[in-house]
Amino acid sequence: MAKLKIKSGDTVLVIAGDHKGQQGKVQKVFPDKNKAIVEGVNTISKHEKPSASNPQGGITKKEAPINISNLSLMTKDGKATRVGYREEDGKKVRFSKKSNEVL
């Protein structure tokens, strides 16, 4: 299992696939599957049967996981960037390769 450079709460840009150009905040990351759920991206319609928690049933919209390789982290000014690691004050930090700022 490879270490992922994207974490929950990061703002990402979709760089490939059907949702290319969309951006959103990462809600959850699945490192074992190499996927992440991004807010407002890759929404699917799920048909749900009536149940105790959802007595009406019907069609609900929810986000489906998207592959990490199709996502790129964004800088504060909204540009896609690659991520690097360096040590600052004895702590390992992520930094933007484009703007050299700590993420």
N, C-alpha and C. Protein backbone atom coordinates (compact mmCIF):
# COMPACT_ATOMS: atom_id res chain seq x y z
N MET A 1 0.85 -1.19 0.00
CA MET A 1 0.00 0.00 0.00
C MET A 1 0.89 1.24 0.00
N ALA A 2 0.73 2.06 -1.02
CA ALA A 2 1.56 3.26 -1.17
C ALA A 2 1.04 4.39 -0.29
N LYS A 3 1.92 5.29 0.10
CA LYS A 3 1.52 6.45 0.88
C LYS A 3 0.87 7.46 -0.06
N LEU A 4 -0.29 7.97 0.35
CA LEU A 4 -1.01 8.93 -0.47
C LEU A 4 -0.65 10.35 -0.07
N LYS A 5 -0.60 11.24 -1.04
CA LYS A 5 -0.24 12.63 -0.78
C LYS A 5 -1.47 13.51 -0.59
N ILE A 6 -2.65 12.91 -0.69
CA ILE A 6 -3.91 13.64 -0.51
C ILE A 6 -4.55 13.17 0.79
N LYS A 7 -5.01 14.12 1.59
CA LYS A 7 -5.63 13.81 2.87
C LYS A 7 -7.05 14.38 2.91
N SER A 8 -7.85 13.95 3.88
CA SER A 8 -9.20 14.49 4.07
C SER A 8 -9.10 15.97 4.39
N GLY A 9 -9.99 16.77 3.80
CA GLY A 9 -9.99 18.21 4.04
C GLY A 9 -9.22 19.00 3.01
N ASP A 10 -8.42 18.35 2.17
CA ASP A 10 -7.68 19.04 1.11
C ASP A 10 -8.63 19.48 0.00
N THR A 11 -8.29 20.59 -0.65
CA THR A 11 -9.03 21.02 -1.83
C THR A 11 -8.30 20.46 -3.04
N VAL A 12 -9.04 19.75 -3.90
CA VAL A 12 -8.41 19.10 -5.05
C VAL A 12 -9.11 19.50 -6.34
N LEU A 13 -8.38 19.30 -7.45
CA LEU A 13 -8.88 19.55 -8.79
C LEU A 13 -8.86 18.22 -9.53
N VAL A 14 -9.94 17.91 -10.26
CA VAL A 14 -9.99 16.68 -11.05
C VAL A 14 -9.26 16.97 -12.36
N ILE A 15 -8.20 16.20 -12.65
CA ILE A 15 -7.36 16.48 -13.82
C ILE A 15 -7.60 15.50 -14.96
N ALA A 16 -8.43 14.47 -14.75
CA ALA A 16 -8.70 13.50 -15.81
C ALA A 16 -10.06 12.87 -15.59
N GLY A 17 -10.64 12.36 -16.66
CA GLY A 17 -11.91 11.64 -16.56
C GLY A 17 -13.11 12.50 -16.91
N ASP A 18 -14.29 11.97 -16.63
CA ASP A 18 -15.55 12.64 -16.98
C ASP A 18 -15.75 13.95 -16.23
N HIS A 19 -15.15 14.09 -15.07
CA HIS A 19 -15.37 15.27 -14.22
C HIS A 19 -14.19 16.22 -14.25
N LYS A 20 -13.39 16.16 -15.31
CA LYS A 20 -12.20 16.99 -15.44
C LYS A 20 -12.55 18.48 -15.31
N GLY A 21 -11.76 19.20 -14.49
CA GLY A 21 -11.99 20.62 -14.30
C GLY A 21 -12.79 20.95 -13.05
N GLN A 22 -13.49 19.97 -12.48
CA GLN A 22 -14.26 20.23 -11.26
C GLN A 22 -13.33 20.22 -10.06
N GLN A 23 -13.72 20.95 -9.03
CA GLN A 23 -12.92 20.95 -7.82
C GLN A 23 -13.81 20.82 -6.61
N GLY A 24 -13.23 20.37 -5.52
CA GLY A 24 -13.99 20.18 -4.29
C GLY A 24 -13.09 19.77 -3.16
N LYS A 25 -13.70 19.58 -2.00
CA LYS A 25 -12.97 19.21 -0.79
C LYS A 25 -13.05 17.70 -0.61
N VAL A 26 -11.92 17.09 -0.23
CA VAL A 26 -11.88 15.65 0.00
C VAL A 26 -12.60 15.35 1.31
N GLN A 27 -13.61 14.46 1.25
CA GLN A 27 -14.36 14.10 2.44
C GLN A 27 -13.77 12.87 3.11
N LYS A 28 -13.36 11.88 2.31
CA LYS A 28 -12.83 10.64 2.86
C LYS A 28 -11.86 10.04 1.88
N VAL A 29 -10.81 9.39 2.41
CA VAL A 29 -9.80 8.76 1.58
C VAL A 29 -9.76 7.26 1.90
N PHE A 30 -9.68 6.44 0.85
CA PHE A 30 -9.57 4.99 1.01
C PHE A 30 -8.20 4.56 0.49
N PRO A 31 -7.16 4.53 1.36
CA PRO A 31 -5.81 4.22 0.89
C PRO A 31 -5.66 2.82 0.31
N ASP A 32 -6.43 1.85 0.84
CA ASP A 32 -6.32 0.48 0.34
C ASP A 32 -6.86 0.34 -1.08
N LYS A 33 -7.85 1.17 -1.45
CA LYS A 33 -8.42 1.14 -2.79
C LYS A 33 -7.84 2.21 -3.70
N ASN A 34 -7.01 3.12 -3.14
CA ASN A 34 -6.41 4.22 -3.89
C ASN A 34 -7.48 5.17 -4.44
N LYS A 35 -8.53 5.41 -3.65
CA LYS A 35 -9.64 6.26 -4.07
C LYS A 35 -9.98 7.27 -2.99
N ALA A 36 -10.72 8.31 -3.39
CA ALA A 36 -11.17 9.34 -2.44
C ALA A 36 -12.56 9.80 -2.84
N ILE A 37 -13.33 10.27 -1.85
CA ILE A 37 -14.63 10.86 -2.12
C ILE A 37 -14.46 12.37 -2.05
N VAL A 38 -14.83 13.05 -3.15
CA VAL A 38 -14.69 14.50 -3.26
C VAL A 38 -16.08 15.11 -3.30
N GLU A 39 -16.28 16.14 -2.48
CA GLU A 39 -17.57 16.82 -2.36
C GLU A 39 -18.01 17.41 -3.70
N GLY A 40 -19.20 17.02 -4.18
CA GLY A 40 -19.76 17.57 -5.40
C GLY A 40 -19.22 17.00 -6.69
N VAL A 41 -18.34 16.00 -6.62
CA VAL A 41 -17.75 15.41 -7.83
C VAL A 41 -18.13 13.94 -7.90
N ASN A 42 -18.42 13.45 -9.11
CA ASN A 42 -18.75 12.05 -9.35
C ASN A 42 -20.01 11.63 -8.58
N THR A 43 -21.08 12.43 -8.70
CA THR A 43 -22.32 12.09 -8.01
C THR A 43 -23.07 11.00 -8.78
N ILE A 44 -23.66 10.09 -8.01
CA ILE A 44 -24.43 9.00 -8.59
C ILE A 44 -25.84 9.03 -8.01
N SER A 45 -26.79 8.45 -8.74
CA SER A 45 -28.15 8.31 -8.24
C SER A 45 -28.31 6.89 -7.72
N LYS A 46 -28.66 6.77 -6.45
CA LYS A 46 -28.82 5.45 -5.84
C LYS A 46 -30.29 5.22 -5.54
N HIS A 47 -30.82 4.10 -6.00
CA HIS A 47 -32.21 3.74 -5.73
C HIS A 47 -32.26 3.04 -4.38
N GLU A 48 -33.07 3.58 -3.46
CA GLU A 48 -33.14 3.01 -2.12
C GLU A 48 -34.56 2.52 -1.83
N LYS A 49 -34.64 1.31 -1.26
CA LYS A 49 -35.92 0.76 -0.84
C LYS A 49 -36.37 1.47 0.43
N PRO A 50 -37.67 1.56 0.65
CA PRO A 50 -38.14 2.13 1.92
C PRO A 50 -37.64 1.30 3.11
N SER A 51 -37.18 1.99 4.15
CA SER A 51 -36.69 1.31 5.35
C SER A 51 -37.10 2.14 6.56
N ALA A 52 -36.72 1.70 7.73
CA ALA A 52 -37.06 2.43 8.95
C ALA A 52 -36.39 3.80 8.96
N SER A 53 -35.13 3.86 8.51
CA SER A 53 -34.42 5.15 8.49
C SER A 53 -34.85 6.04 7.33
N ASN A 54 -35.33 5.44 6.24
CA ASN A 54 -35.78 6.18 5.08
C ASN A 54 -37.15 5.62 4.65
N PRO A 55 -38.23 6.03 5.35
CA PRO A 55 -39.54 5.41 5.07
C PRO A 55 -40.08 5.69 3.67
N GLN A 56 -39.68 6.80 3.06
CA GLN A 56 -40.16 7.16 1.73
C GLN A 56 -39.49 6.33 0.64
N GLY A 57 -38.18 6.03 0.83
CA GLY A 57 -37.43 5.34 -0.22
C GLY A 57 -37.12 6.32 -1.34
N GLY A 58 -36.95 5.83 -2.56
CA GLY A 58 -36.75 6.71 -3.71
C GLY A 58 -35.31 6.80 -4.15
N ILE A 59 -35.01 7.83 -4.94
CA ILE A 59 -33.69 8.00 -5.53
C ILE A 59 -32.94 9.08 -4.76
N THR A 60 -31.75 8.74 -4.29
CA THR A 60 -30.92 9.72 -3.57
C THR A 60 -29.63 9.94 -4.35
N LYS A 61 -29.10 11.15 -4.26
CA LYS A 61 -27.83 11.48 -4.91
C LYS A 61 -26.73 11.40 -3.87
N LYS A 62 -25.61 10.79 -4.25
CA LYS A 62 -24.45 10.74 -3.35
C LYS A 62 -23.17 10.68 -4.18
N GLU A 63 -22.06 11.03 -3.54
CA GLU A 63 -20.77 11.02 -4.23
C GLU A 63 -20.18 9.62 -4.23
N ALA A 64 -19.61 9.22 -5.35
CA ALA A 64 -18.92 7.94 -5.46
C ALA A 64 -17.42 8.20 -5.41
N PRO A 65 -16.64 7.21 -4.98
CA PRO A 65 -15.18 7.40 -4.93
C PRO A 65 -14.59 7.62 -6.32
N ILE A 66 -13.51 8.41 -6.36
CA ILE A 66 -12.80 8.70 -7.61
C ILE A 66 -11.33 8.35 -7.38
N ASN A 67 -10.66 7.86 -8.40
CA ASN A 67 -9.27 7.42 -8.25
C ASN A 67 -8.35 8.59 -7.93
N ILE A 68 -7.41 8.36 -7.01
CA ILE A 68 -6.47 9.41 -6.57
C ILE A 68 -5.62 9.91 -7.74
N SER A 69 -5.33 9.04 -8.71
CA SER A 69 -4.50 9.45 -9.84
C SER A 69 -5.17 10.52 -10.70
N ASN A 70 -6.49 10.66 -10.57
CA ASN A 70 -7.22 11.67 -11.33
C ASN A 70 -7.38 12.98 -10.57
N LEU A 71 -6.77 13.08 -9.39
CA LEU A 71 -6.88 14.27 -8.56
C LEU A 71 -5.53 14.96 -8.41
N SER A 72 -5.56 16.29 -8.30
CA SER A 72 -4.35 17.06 -8.06
C SER A 72 -4.65 18.07 -6.95
N LEU A 73 -3.74 18.18 -6.01
CA LEU A 73 -3.91 19.12 -4.91
C LEU A 73 -3.85 20.55 -5.44
N MET A 74 -4.56 21.47 -4.78
CA MET A 74 -4.57 22.86 -5.23
C MET A 74 -3.89 23.77 -4.22
N THR A 75 -3.24 24.82 -4.74
CA THR A 75 -2.62 25.83 -3.88
C THR A 75 -3.70 26.80 -3.40
N LYS A 76 -3.32 27.73 -2.54
CA LYS A 76 -4.29 28.70 -2.01
C LYS A 76 -4.86 29.60 -3.11
N ASP A 77 -4.07 29.87 -4.17
CA ASP A 77 -4.57 30.72 -5.26
C ASP A 77 -5.27 29.92 -6.35
N GLY A 78 -5.57 28.63 -6.10
CA GLY A 78 -6.42 27.85 -7.00
C GLY A 78 -5.72 27.20 -8.17
N LYS A 79 -4.42 26.96 -8.09
CA LYS A 79 -3.70 26.28 -9.17
C LYS A 79 -3.36 24.85 -8.75
N ALA A 80 -3.41 23.92 -9.70
CA ALA A 80 -3.05 22.53 -9.42
C ALA A 80 -1.54 22.44 -9.21
N THR A 81 -1.14 21.60 -8.26
CA THR A 81 0.28 21.47 -7.95
C THR A 81 0.62 20.04 -7.57
N ARG A 82 1.89 19.69 -7.72
CA ARG A 82 2.38 18.42 -7.21
C ARG A 82 2.82 18.63 -5.77
N VAL A 83 2.97 17.53 -5.04
CA VAL A 83 3.27 17.61 -3.61
C VAL A 83 4.63 17.00 -3.33
N GLY A 84 5.39 17.66 -2.48
CA GLY A 84 6.66 17.13 -2.02
C GLY A 84 6.69 17.13 -0.50
N TYR A 85 7.70 16.49 0.07
CA TYR A 85 7.86 16.46 1.51
C TYR A 85 9.22 17.04 1.87
N ARG A 86 9.28 17.74 2.99
CA ARG A 86 10.55 18.22 3.52
C ARG A 86 10.41 18.33 5.03
N GLU A 87 11.54 18.51 5.70
CA GLU A 87 11.53 18.60 7.15
C GLU A 87 11.70 20.06 7.57
N GLU A 88 10.81 20.52 8.43
CA GLU A 88 10.90 21.88 8.97
C GLU A 88 10.75 21.80 10.47
N ASP A 89 11.71 22.32 11.21
CA ASP A 89 11.69 22.30 12.68
C ASP A 89 11.50 20.88 13.22
N GLY A 90 12.12 19.91 12.58
CA GLY A 90 12.04 18.53 13.02
C GLY A 90 10.74 17.83 12.69
N LYS A 91 9.85 18.47 11.90
CA LYS A 91 8.58 17.87 11.51
C LYS A 91 8.55 17.69 10.00
N LYS A 92 7.98 16.58 9.56
CA LYS A 92 7.81 16.33 8.13
C LYS A 92 6.56 17.06 7.66
N VAL A 93 6.71 17.93 6.66
CA VAL A 93 5.57 18.71 6.16
C VAL A 93 5.43 18.51 4.65
N ARG A 94 4.19 18.68 4.17
CA ARG A 94 3.92 18.64 2.73
C ARG A 94 4.08 20.05 2.18
N PHE A 95 4.63 20.17 0.97
CA PHE A 95 4.74 21.49 0.36
C PHE A 95 4.39 21.41 -1.12
N SER A 96 3.95 22.57 -1.65
CA SER A 96 3.58 22.68 -3.05
C SER A 96 4.84 22.83 -3.88
N LYS A 97 4.98 22.01 -4.90
CA LYS A 97 6.16 22.11 -5.77
C LYS A 97 6.08 23.34 -6.67
N LYS A 98 4.86 23.86 -6.87
CA LYS A 98 4.69 25.02 -7.76
C LYS A 98 5.02 26.32 -7.04
N SER A 99 4.47 26.50 -5.82
CA SER A 99 4.66 27.77 -5.11
C SER A 99 5.62 27.64 -3.93
N ASN A 100 6.06 26.43 -3.64
CA ASN A 100 7.01 26.14 -2.54
C ASN A 100 6.44 26.49 -1.16
N GLU A 101 5.11 26.62 -1.03
CA GLU A 101 4.50 26.93 0.26
C GLU A 101 4.08 25.65 0.96
N VAL A 102 4.07 25.68 2.28
CA VAL A 102 3.67 24.52 3.08
C VAL A 102 2.16 24.36 3.01
N LEU A 103 1.71 23.14 2.78
CA LEU A 103 0.27 22.87 2.66
C LEU A 103 -0.32 22.46 4.01
